[in-house]
Amino acid sequence: MARLIYSAATSLDGYIAGPGGDMGWLAPHVGEPNPPADRLLAGLGALLVGRRSHDGDDPNRGTDAEGAFGGRYDGPAVVLTHRPPPQAPPGVTFATDLDTAVARAREAAGDGYVTILGADVAAQCLEAGLLDEVLVFVAPVLLGDGTPLFPRRPGTAPVRLESIAEDTPHWYRVVR
């Protein structure tokens, strides 16, 4: 069965997007050699994407590197939203609830990874006990504001993680 992994690039102060969803801060870091990202991409079967991430800013818009993983991913995506459009783009499925979205993404991924794009969807998966792994790429920049890596509600219990890759400092399994 496909594993759900939240993979995100974050600033050193913990933001995956700047104010208003700005992703321009990431552009200088895209294209650098990144063996863990290459490993993830090689095993990627489907994306589970939040609507804001799906509709949001792409630091590579209008270039050959536009899209997920610097334009290197070309496969199925499931978008979790309360506002599905009347027509879905090719390769994209829309789902209005988390369980359906996860089931469709897992089915599309087969034995590969389902990579979550979007902090809110990742937090929902974590809270529902569905998230299996977390892979974080830390960029040497301080944004000061924006979308946090993991938006969590006050009073939420701590989540224990354990490192699963010796050569990758921030690849973790969610301990259940």
N, C-alpha and C. Protein backbone atom coordinates (compact mmCIF):
# COMPACT_ATOMS: atom_id res chain seq x y z
N MET A 1 0.84 -1.18 0.00
CA MET A 1 0.00 0.00 0.00
C MET A 1 0.88 1.24 0.00
N ALA A 2 0.43 2.25 -0.67
CA ALA A 2 1.17 3.51 -0.77
C ALA A 2 1.32 4.16 0.60
N ARG A 3 2.50 4.73 0.83
CA ARG A 3 2.75 5.48 2.06
C ARG A 3 2.50 6.96 1.80
N LEU A 4 1.91 7.62 2.79
CA LEU A 4 1.68 9.07 2.71
C LEU A 4 2.87 9.78 3.32
N ILE A 5 3.49 10.65 2.54
CA ILE A 5 4.64 11.41 3.01
C ILE A 5 4.38 12.89 2.76
N TYR A 6 4.65 13.69 3.77
CA TYR A 6 4.60 15.13 3.62
C TYR A 6 6.02 15.58 3.32
N SER A 7 6.21 16.08 2.12
CA SER A 7 7.51 16.54 1.68
C SER A 7 7.40 18.03 1.41
N ALA A 8 8.27 18.80 2.05
CA ALA A 8 8.19 20.25 1.89
C ALA A 8 9.55 20.90 2.06
N ALA A 9 9.75 21.99 1.33
CA ALA A 9 10.90 22.85 1.57
C ALA A 9 10.44 23.93 2.55
N THR A 10 11.27 24.20 3.53
CA THR A 10 10.92 25.18 4.54
C THR A 10 12.07 26.15 4.77
N SER A 11 11.71 27.34 5.17
CA SER A 11 12.74 28.29 5.59
C SER A 11 13.27 27.83 6.95
N LEU A 12 14.39 28.35 7.35
CA LEU A 12 14.96 27.97 8.63
C LEU A 12 14.03 28.31 9.79
N ASP A 13 13.18 29.34 9.62
CA ASP A 13 12.25 29.69 10.69
C ASP A 13 10.89 29.02 10.52
N GLY A 14 10.80 28.01 9.64
CA GLY A 14 9.63 27.14 9.61
C GLY A 14 8.48 27.51 8.71
N TYR A 15 8.71 28.28 7.66
CA TYR A 15 7.63 28.65 6.74
C TYR A 15 7.85 28.00 5.38
N ILE A 16 6.77 27.43 4.81
CA ILE A 16 6.86 26.82 3.49
C ILE A 16 6.46 27.79 2.38
N ALA A 17 5.82 28.87 2.75
CA ALA A 17 5.45 29.93 1.80
C ALA A 17 5.51 31.24 2.55
N GLY A 18 5.83 32.29 1.83
CA GLY A 18 5.85 33.62 2.43
C GLY A 18 4.44 34.17 2.54
N PRO A 19 4.30 35.41 2.98
CA PRO A 19 2.98 36.04 3.09
C PRO A 19 2.23 35.97 1.77
N GLY A 20 0.93 35.67 1.86
CA GLY A 20 0.10 35.57 0.67
C GLY A 20 0.40 34.36 -0.19
N GLY A 21 1.13 33.38 0.35
CA GLY A 21 1.45 32.17 -0.40
C GLY A 21 2.63 32.33 -1.34
N ASP A 22 3.41 33.41 -1.19
CA ASP A 22 4.54 33.67 -2.07
C ASP A 22 5.58 32.55 -1.99
N MET A 23 5.90 31.98 -3.14
CA MET A 23 6.90 30.93 -3.22
C MET A 23 8.19 31.39 -3.89
N GLY A 24 8.29 32.68 -4.20
CA GLY A 24 9.46 33.21 -4.87
C GLY A 24 10.76 32.97 -4.12
N TRP A 25 10.69 32.88 -2.80
CA TRP A 25 11.88 32.67 -1.99
C TRP A 25 12.57 31.34 -2.33
N LEU A 26 11.83 30.40 -2.89
CA LEU A 26 12.35 29.07 -3.16
C LEU A 26 13.14 28.99 -4.47
N ALA A 27 12.87 29.89 -5.39
CA ALA A 27 13.47 29.82 -6.73
C ALA A 27 15.00 29.67 -6.73
N PRO A 28 15.74 30.39 -5.88
CA PRO A 28 17.20 30.22 -5.91
C PRO A 28 17.67 28.82 -5.48
N HIS A 29 16.80 28.04 -4.84
CA HIS A 29 17.19 26.74 -4.31
C HIS A 29 16.75 25.58 -5.20
N VAL A 30 15.89 25.85 -6.18
CA VAL A 30 15.41 24.81 -7.09
C VAL A 30 16.50 24.53 -8.11
N GLY A 31 16.71 23.28 -8.39
CA GLY A 31 17.71 22.91 -9.38
C GLY A 31 19.04 22.51 -8.79
N GLU A 32 19.23 22.78 -7.50
CA GLU A 32 20.46 22.33 -6.84
C GLU A 32 20.40 20.81 -6.70
N PRO A 33 21.53 20.11 -6.77
CA PRO A 33 21.51 18.66 -6.59
C PRO A 33 20.89 18.30 -5.24
N ASN A 34 20.01 17.31 -5.26
CA ASN A 34 19.31 16.94 -4.04
C ASN A 34 18.98 15.45 -4.08
N PRO A 35 19.92 14.58 -3.68
CA PRO A 35 19.69 13.14 -3.75
C PRO A 35 18.43 12.66 -3.01
N PRO A 36 18.10 13.17 -1.80
CA PRO A 36 16.86 12.71 -1.17
C PRO A 36 15.61 13.05 -2.01
N ALA A 37 15.58 14.23 -2.60
CA ALA A 37 14.44 14.60 -3.45
C ALA A 37 14.39 13.69 -4.67
N ASP A 38 15.54 13.35 -5.22
CA ASP A 38 15.58 12.44 -6.37
C ASP A 38 15.05 11.06 -5.98
N ARG A 39 15.42 10.58 -4.77
CA ARG A 39 14.93 9.28 -4.29
C ARG A 39 13.42 9.32 -4.13
N LEU A 40 12.92 10.40 -3.55
CA LEU A 40 11.48 10.53 -3.37
C LEU A 40 10.78 10.55 -4.72
N LEU A 41 11.29 11.33 -5.63
CA LEU A 41 10.68 11.45 -6.95
C LEU A 41 10.65 10.11 -7.67
N ALA A 42 11.71 9.31 -7.53
CA ALA A 42 11.76 8.00 -8.18
C ALA A 42 10.68 7.06 -7.67
N GLY A 43 10.26 7.24 -6.41
CA GLY A 43 9.23 6.38 -5.83
C GLY A 43 7.85 7.00 -5.79
N LEU A 44 7.70 8.17 -6.38
CA LEU A 44 6.46 8.93 -6.30
C LEU A 44 5.39 8.35 -7.23
N GLY A 45 4.23 8.03 -6.65
CA GLY A 45 3.14 7.47 -7.43
C GLY A 45 2.00 8.44 -7.66
N ALA A 46 1.80 9.36 -6.71
CA ALA A 46 0.69 10.32 -6.83
C ALA A 46 0.93 11.47 -5.86
N LEU A 47 0.26 12.58 -6.16
CA LEU A 47 0.27 13.74 -5.26
C LEU A 47 -1.09 13.88 -4.61
N LEU A 48 -1.08 14.28 -3.35
CA LEU A 48 -2.29 14.70 -2.63
C LEU A 48 -2.07 16.17 -2.32
N VAL A 49 -2.89 17.03 -2.90
CA VAL A 49 -2.62 18.46 -2.90
C VAL A 49 -3.79 19.23 -2.31
N GLY A 50 -3.49 20.21 -1.49
CA GLY A 50 -4.51 21.14 -1.03
C GLY A 50 -4.88 22.11 -2.15
N ARG A 51 -6.06 22.65 -2.08
CA ARG A 51 -6.52 23.55 -3.14
C ARG A 51 -5.67 24.81 -3.22
N ARG A 52 -5.27 25.37 -2.07
CA ARG A 52 -4.42 26.57 -2.11
C ARG A 52 -3.09 26.27 -2.78
N SER A 53 -2.52 25.10 -2.51
CA SER A 53 -1.26 24.72 -3.16
C SER A 53 -1.48 24.49 -4.64
N HIS A 54 -2.56 23.84 -4.99
CA HIS A 54 -2.87 23.57 -6.40
C HIS A 54 -3.02 24.86 -7.19
N ASP A 55 -3.71 25.82 -6.61
CA ASP A 55 -3.98 27.09 -7.31
C ASP A 55 -2.89 28.13 -7.08
N GLY A 56 -1.93 27.83 -6.18
CA GLY A 56 -1.01 28.85 -5.69
C GLY A 56 0.15 29.19 -6.59
N ASP A 57 1.08 29.89 -5.96
CA ASP A 57 2.26 30.43 -6.61
C ASP A 57 3.26 29.32 -6.93
N ASP A 58 3.81 29.34 -8.12
CA ASP A 58 4.87 28.43 -8.51
C ASP A 58 6.10 29.30 -8.82
N PRO A 59 7.20 29.12 -8.08
CA PRO A 59 8.36 29.98 -8.32
C PRO A 59 8.96 29.80 -9.71
N ASN A 60 8.54 28.74 -10.41
CA ASN A 60 9.07 28.46 -11.74
C ASN A 60 8.03 28.64 -12.84
N ARG A 61 6.93 29.33 -12.53
CA ARG A 61 5.87 29.51 -13.52
C ARG A 61 6.43 30.12 -14.80
N GLY A 62 6.01 29.51 -15.91
CA GLY A 62 6.43 30.01 -17.21
C GLY A 62 7.79 29.50 -17.67
N THR A 63 8.39 28.58 -16.91
CA THR A 63 9.69 28.01 -17.29
C THR A 63 9.54 26.50 -17.46
N ASP A 64 10.62 25.86 -17.90
CA ASP A 64 10.61 24.40 -18.03
C ASP A 64 10.52 23.70 -16.68
N ALA A 65 10.81 24.42 -15.61
CA ALA A 65 10.80 23.84 -14.27
C ALA A 65 9.47 24.07 -13.55
N GLU A 66 8.43 24.51 -14.26
CA GLU A 66 7.13 24.75 -13.63
C GLU A 66 6.52 23.42 -13.19
N GLY A 67 5.90 23.43 -12.01
CA GLY A 67 5.20 22.25 -11.50
C GLY A 67 5.94 21.60 -10.35
N ALA A 68 5.35 20.51 -9.86
CA ALA A 68 5.90 19.80 -8.71
C ALA A 68 7.28 19.25 -9.02
N PHE A 69 8.16 19.32 -8.04
CA PHE A 69 9.53 18.84 -8.15
C PHE A 69 10.25 19.49 -9.32
N GLY A 70 10.10 20.78 -9.42
CA GLY A 70 10.79 21.53 -10.46
C GLY A 70 10.38 21.11 -11.86
N GLY A 71 9.12 20.68 -12.00
CA GLY A 71 8.60 20.27 -13.29
C GLY A 71 8.95 18.85 -13.67
N ARG A 72 9.58 18.11 -12.77
CA ARG A 72 10.00 16.75 -13.09
C ARG A 72 8.92 15.70 -12.81
N TYR A 73 7.85 16.07 -12.11
CA TYR A 73 6.78 15.12 -11.84
C TYR A 73 5.67 15.28 -12.87
N ASP A 74 5.29 14.17 -13.47
CA ASP A 74 4.19 14.15 -14.42
C ASP A 74 3.37 12.90 -14.13
N GLY A 75 2.40 13.04 -13.26
CA GLY A 75 1.59 11.90 -12.86
C GLY A 75 0.31 12.36 -12.23
N PRO A 76 -0.44 11.41 -11.65
CA PRO A 76 -1.75 11.75 -11.09
C PRO A 76 -1.65 12.64 -9.85
N ALA A 77 -2.67 13.48 -9.69
CA ALA A 77 -2.79 14.34 -8.52
C ALA A 77 -4.24 14.33 -8.06
N VAL A 78 -4.42 14.29 -6.76
CA VAL A 78 -5.74 14.39 -6.16
C VAL A 78 -5.74 15.68 -5.34
N VAL A 79 -6.71 16.54 -5.60
CA VAL A 79 -6.80 17.83 -4.92
C VAL A 79 -7.95 17.77 -3.93
N LEU A 80 -7.64 18.05 -2.67
CA LEU A 80 -8.65 18.10 -1.62
C LEU A 80 -9.21 19.51 -1.55
N THR A 81 -10.52 19.64 -1.74
CA THR A 81 -11.14 20.97 -1.77
C THR A 81 -12.62 20.89 -1.45
N HIS A 82 -13.13 21.97 -0.91
CA HIS A 82 -14.58 22.10 -0.73
C HIS A 82 -15.20 22.77 -1.94
N ARG A 83 -14.34 23.21 -2.90
CA ARG A 83 -14.83 23.93 -4.08
C ARG A 83 -14.29 23.31 -5.36
N PRO A 84 -14.72 22.09 -5.70
CA PRO A 84 -14.21 21.49 -6.94
C PRO A 84 -14.71 22.27 -8.16
N PRO A 85 -13.85 22.44 -9.14
CA PRO A 85 -14.29 23.13 -10.36
C PRO A 85 -15.19 22.20 -11.18
N PRO A 86 -15.95 22.76 -12.11
CA PRO A 86 -16.83 21.91 -12.92
C PRO A 86 -16.05 20.94 -13.81
N GLN A 87 -14.85 21.29 -14.22
CA GLN A 87 -14.03 20.45 -15.10
C GLN A 87 -12.64 20.32 -14.51
N ALA A 88 -12.15 19.08 -14.37
CA ALA A 88 -10.81 18.84 -13.84
C ALA A 88 -9.80 18.82 -14.98
N PRO A 89 -8.62 19.40 -14.77
CA PRO A 89 -7.55 19.29 -15.77
C PRO A 89 -7.13 17.82 -15.94
N PRO A 90 -6.53 17.46 -17.06
CA PRO A 90 -6.07 16.08 -17.24
C PRO A 90 -5.12 15.64 -16.13
N GLY A 91 -5.33 14.43 -15.62
CA GLY A 91 -4.46 13.88 -14.58
C GLY A 91 -4.78 14.35 -13.18
N VAL A 92 -5.80 15.21 -13.03
CA VAL A 92 -6.17 15.74 -11.72
C VAL A 92 -7.56 15.28 -11.35
N THR A 93 -7.70 14.80 -10.13
CA THR A 93 -8.99 14.41 -9.57
C THR A 93 -9.26 15.31 -8.37
N PHE A 94 -10.50 15.71 -8.20
CA PHE A 94 -10.87 16.53 -7.04
C PHE A 94 -11.71 15.69 -6.08
N ALA A 95 -11.47 15.86 -4.79
CA ALA A 95 -12.22 15.16 -3.75
C ALA A 95 -12.60 16.18 -2.69
N THR A 96 -13.77 15.99 -2.11
CA THR A 96 -14.27 16.97 -1.14
C THR A 96 -14.11 16.54 0.32
N ASP A 97 -13.58 15.34 0.57
CA ASP A 97 -13.32 14.96 1.96
C ASP A 97 -11.99 14.21 2.02
N LEU A 98 -11.38 14.26 3.18
CA LEU A 98 -10.03 13.72 3.37
C LEU A 98 -9.96 12.23 3.07
N ASP A 99 -10.88 11.44 3.61
CA ASP A 99 -10.81 9.99 3.42
C ASP A 99 -10.88 9.61 1.94
N THR A 100 -11.78 10.25 1.19
CA THR A 100 -11.89 9.97 -0.24
C THR A 100 -10.63 10.40 -0.97
N ALA A 101 -10.11 11.58 -0.63
CA ALA A 101 -8.90 12.07 -1.28
C ALA A 101 -7.73 11.13 -1.05
N VAL A 102 -7.54 10.69 0.19
CA VAL A 102 -6.43 9.78 0.51
C VAL A 102 -6.62 8.45 -0.20
N ALA A 103 -7.83 7.91 -0.20
CA ALA A 103 -8.08 6.63 -0.87
C ALA A 103 -7.79 6.73 -2.37
N ARG A 104 -8.23 7.80 -3.00
CA ARG A 104 -7.97 7.96 -4.44
C ARG A 104 -6.48 8.13 -4.73
N ALA A 105 -5.80 8.89 -3.89
CA ALA A 105 -4.37 9.10 -4.10
C ALA A 105 -3.61 7.79 -3.89
N ARG A 106 -3.96 7.03 -2.87
CA ARG A 106 -3.29 5.74 -2.63
C ARG A 106 -3.52 4.78 -3.78
N GLU A 107 -4.74 4.75 -4.27
CA GLU A 107 -5.05 3.88 -5.41
C GLU A 107 -4.22 4.28 -6.63
N ALA A 108 -4.14 5.57 -6.89
CA ALA A 108 -3.37 6.06 -8.04
C ALA A 108 -1.88 5.78 -7.88
N ALA A 109 -1.38 5.79 -6.64
CA ALA A 109 0.05 5.62 -6.38
C ALA A 109 0.51 4.17 -6.43
N GLY A 110 -0.40 3.23 -6.26
CA GLY A 110 0.00 1.83 -6.22
C GLY A 110 0.90 1.58 -5.03
N ASP A 111 2.11 1.09 -5.30
CA ASP A 111 3.09 0.83 -4.24
C ASP A 111 4.03 2.00 -4.01
N GLY A 112 3.83 3.09 -4.74
CA GLY A 112 4.70 4.26 -4.60
C GLY A 112 4.26 5.16 -3.47
N TYR A 113 4.93 6.27 -3.38
CA TYR A 113 4.58 7.28 -2.38
C TYR A 113 3.40 8.12 -2.84
N VAL A 114 2.60 8.55 -1.89
CA VAL A 114 1.68 9.66 -2.08
C VAL A 114 2.33 10.84 -1.38
N THR A 115 2.75 11.82 -2.14
CA THR A 115 3.39 12.98 -1.56
C THR A 115 2.37 14.09 -1.37
N ILE A 116 2.30 14.59 -0.15
CA ILE A 116 1.36 15.65 0.19
C ILE A 116 2.01 17.00 -0.09
N LEU A 117 1.30 17.83 -0.82
CA LEU A 117 1.71 19.22 -1.05
C LEU A 117 0.65 20.11 -0.41
N GLY A 118 1.02 20.81 0.62
CA GLY A 118 0.10 21.69 1.32
C GLY A 118 0.11 21.42 2.80
N ALA A 119 0.42 22.45 3.57
CA ALA A 119 0.55 22.31 5.02
C ALA A 119 -0.76 21.92 5.69
N ASP A 120 -1.86 22.48 5.24
CA ASP A 120 -3.14 22.18 5.86
C ASP A 120 -3.53 20.72 5.64
N VAL A 121 -3.34 20.21 4.43
CA VAL A 121 -3.65 18.80 4.15
C VAL A 121 -2.74 17.90 4.97
N ALA A 122 -1.47 18.25 5.07
CA ALA A 122 -0.55 17.45 5.88
C ALA A 122 -0.99 17.41 7.34
N ALA A 123 -1.40 18.56 7.87
CA ALA A 123 -1.86 18.61 9.26
C ALA A 123 -3.13 17.78 9.45
N GLN A 124 -4.03 17.82 8.48
CA GLN A 124 -5.25 17.01 8.56
C GLN A 124 -4.91 15.52 8.55
N CYS A 125 -3.97 15.12 7.68
CA CYS A 125 -3.56 13.71 7.62
C CYS A 125 -2.89 13.29 8.93
N LEU A 126 -2.08 14.16 9.49
CA LEU A 126 -1.42 13.86 10.75
C LEU A 126 -2.46 13.67 11.86
N GLU A 127 -3.40 14.61 11.94
CA GLU A 127 -4.43 14.55 12.97
C GLU A 127 -5.31 13.30 12.83
N ALA A 128 -5.54 12.86 11.59
CA ALA A 128 -6.39 11.69 11.34
C ALA A 128 -5.62 10.37 11.47
N GLY A 129 -4.31 10.45 11.76
CA GLY A 129 -3.51 9.24 11.90
C GLY A 129 -3.15 8.59 10.58
N LEU A 130 -3.17 9.35 9.51
CA LEU A 130 -2.91 8.81 8.18
C LEU A 130 -1.50 9.06 7.66
N LEU A 131 -0.80 10.03 8.23
CA LEU A 131 0.52 10.41 7.75
C LEU A 131 1.56 9.38 8.19
N ASP A 132 2.36 8.89 7.23
CA ASP A 132 3.38 7.88 7.53
C ASP A 132 4.77 8.47 7.70
N GLU A 133 5.14 9.45 6.86
CA GLU A 133 6.50 9.98 6.88
C GLU A 133 6.49 11.48 6.64
N VAL A 134 7.60 12.11 7.04
CA VAL A 134 7.81 13.54 6.82
C VAL A 134 9.23 13.71 6.29
N LEU A 135 9.36 14.45 5.18
CA LEU A 135 10.67 14.76 4.62
C LEU A 135 10.73 16.27 4.44
N VAL A 136 11.68 16.89 5.14
CA VAL A 136 11.78 18.36 5.13
C VAL A 136 13.14 18.77 4.56
N PHE A 137 13.08 19.70 3.62
CA PHE A 137 14.29 20.31 3.06
C PHE A 137 14.38 21.72 3.62
N VAL A 138 15.43 22.01 4.37
CA VAL A 138 15.58 23.31 5.02
C VAL A 138 16.45 24.21 4.16
N ALA A 139 15.88 25.35 3.76
CA ALA A 139 16.61 26.32 2.94
C ALA A 139 17.21 27.40 3.85
N PRO A 140 18.39 27.88 3.50
CA PRO A 140 19.07 28.88 4.32
C PRO A 140 18.49 30.29 4.09
N VAL A 141 17.28 30.48 4.59
CA VAL A 141 16.61 31.77 4.48
C VAL A 141 15.65 31.90 5.67
N LEU A 142 15.45 33.11 6.14
CA LEU A 142 14.48 33.40 7.20
C LEU A 142 13.38 34.24 6.58
N LEU A 143 12.16 33.72 6.55
CA LEU A 143 11.04 34.44 5.94
C LEU A 143 10.33 35.36 6.93
N GLY A 144 10.26 34.95 8.18
CA GLY A 144 9.64 35.80 9.19
C GLY A 144 8.14 35.73 9.26
N ASP A 145 7.47 35.28 8.21
CA ASP A 145 6.01 35.22 8.19
C ASP A 145 5.60 34.36 7.01
N GLY A 146 4.37 33.87 7.06
CA GLY A 146 3.86 33.09 5.96
C GLY A 146 3.11 31.86 6.43
N THR A 147 3.17 30.81 5.62
CA THR A 147 2.49 29.55 5.92
C THR A 147 3.44 28.65 6.69
N PRO A 148 3.09 28.26 7.93
CA PRO A 148 3.98 27.41 8.70
C PRO A 148 4.06 26.00 8.13
N LEU A 149 5.17 25.34 8.37
CA LEU A 149 5.39 23.97 7.92
C LEU A 149 4.28 23.05 8.39
N PHE A 150 3.91 23.13 9.66
CA PHE A 150 2.82 22.32 10.22
C PHE A 150 1.89 23.21 11.03
N PRO A 151 0.81 23.68 10.43
CA PRO A 151 -0.16 24.46 11.22
C PRO A 151 -0.94 23.50 12.11
N ARG A 152 -0.78 23.65 13.40
CA ARG A 152 -1.46 22.74 14.33
C ARG A 152 -2.33 23.55 15.28
N ARG A 153 -3.44 22.94 15.64
CA ARG A 153 -4.35 23.60 16.57
C ARG A 153 -3.77 23.60 17.98
N PRO A 154 -3.99 24.68 18.74
CA PRO A 154 -3.53 24.69 20.13
C PRO A 154 -4.11 23.50 20.90
N GLY A 155 -3.30 22.92 21.76
CA GLY A 155 -3.75 21.79 22.57
C GLY A 155 -3.58 20.44 21.89
N THR A 156 -3.08 20.42 20.65
CA THR A 156 -2.86 19.17 19.95
C THR A 156 -1.68 18.44 20.61
N ALA A 157 -1.83 17.13 20.75
CA ALA A 157 -0.78 16.34 21.40
C ALA A 157 0.51 16.35 20.57
N PRO A 158 1.65 16.26 21.25
CA PRO A 158 2.92 16.15 20.52
C PRO A 158 2.94 14.89 19.66
N VAL A 159 3.67 14.94 18.57
CA VAL A 159 3.81 13.79 17.67
C VAL A 159 5.27 13.40 17.67
N ARG A 160 5.54 12.13 17.95
CA ARG A 160 6.91 11.65 17.97
C ARG A 160 7.30 11.18 16.57
N LEU A 161 8.50 11.55 16.16
CA LEU A 161 9.05 11.16 14.87
C LEU A 161 10.36 10.45 15.10
N GLU A 162 10.71 9.51 14.21
CA GLU A 162 12.02 8.87 14.30
C GLU A 162 12.69 8.93 12.93
N SER A 163 13.97 9.20 12.95
CA SER A 163 14.75 9.32 11.72
C SER A 163 14.80 7.97 11.01
N ILE A 164 14.64 8.01 9.67
CA ILE A 164 14.65 6.74 8.93
C ILE A 164 15.71 6.69 7.82
N ALA A 165 16.43 7.77 7.63
CA ALA A 165 17.44 7.78 6.56
C ALA A 165 18.73 8.37 7.10
N GLU A 166 19.77 7.56 7.17
CA GLU A 166 21.04 8.02 7.72
C GLU A 166 21.66 9.17 6.93
N ASP A 167 21.44 9.17 5.62
CA ASP A 167 22.07 10.18 4.78
C ASP A 167 21.19 11.41 4.56
N THR A 168 20.04 11.44 5.20
CA THR A 168 19.10 12.55 5.03
C THR A 168 18.70 13.05 6.41
N PRO A 169 19.10 14.26 6.78
CA PRO A 169 18.91 14.70 8.16
C PRO A 169 17.46 14.90 8.59
N HIS A 170 16.55 15.12 7.68
CA HIS A 170 15.17 15.42 8.08
C HIS A 170 14.15 14.53 7.38
N TRP A 171 14.39 13.21 7.40
CA TRP A 171 13.41 12.25 6.86
C TRP A 171 12.99 11.38 8.04
N TYR A 172 11.71 11.44 8.36
CA TYR A 172 11.21 10.83 9.58
C TYR A 172 10.00 9.93 9.32
N ARG A 173 9.83 8.95 10.19
CA ARG A 173 8.63 8.13 10.25
C ARG A 173 7.79 8.66 11.41
N VAL A 174 6.49 8.72 11.20
CA VAL A 174 5.58 9.11 12.29
C VAL A 174 5.41 7.90 13.18
N VAL A 175 5.73 8.05 14.46
CA VAL A 175 5.60 6.96 15.42
C VAL A 175 4.15 6.94 15.91
N ARG A 176 3.55 5.80 15.77
CA ARG A 176 2.14 5.65 16.21
C ARG A 176 2.06 4.90 17.51
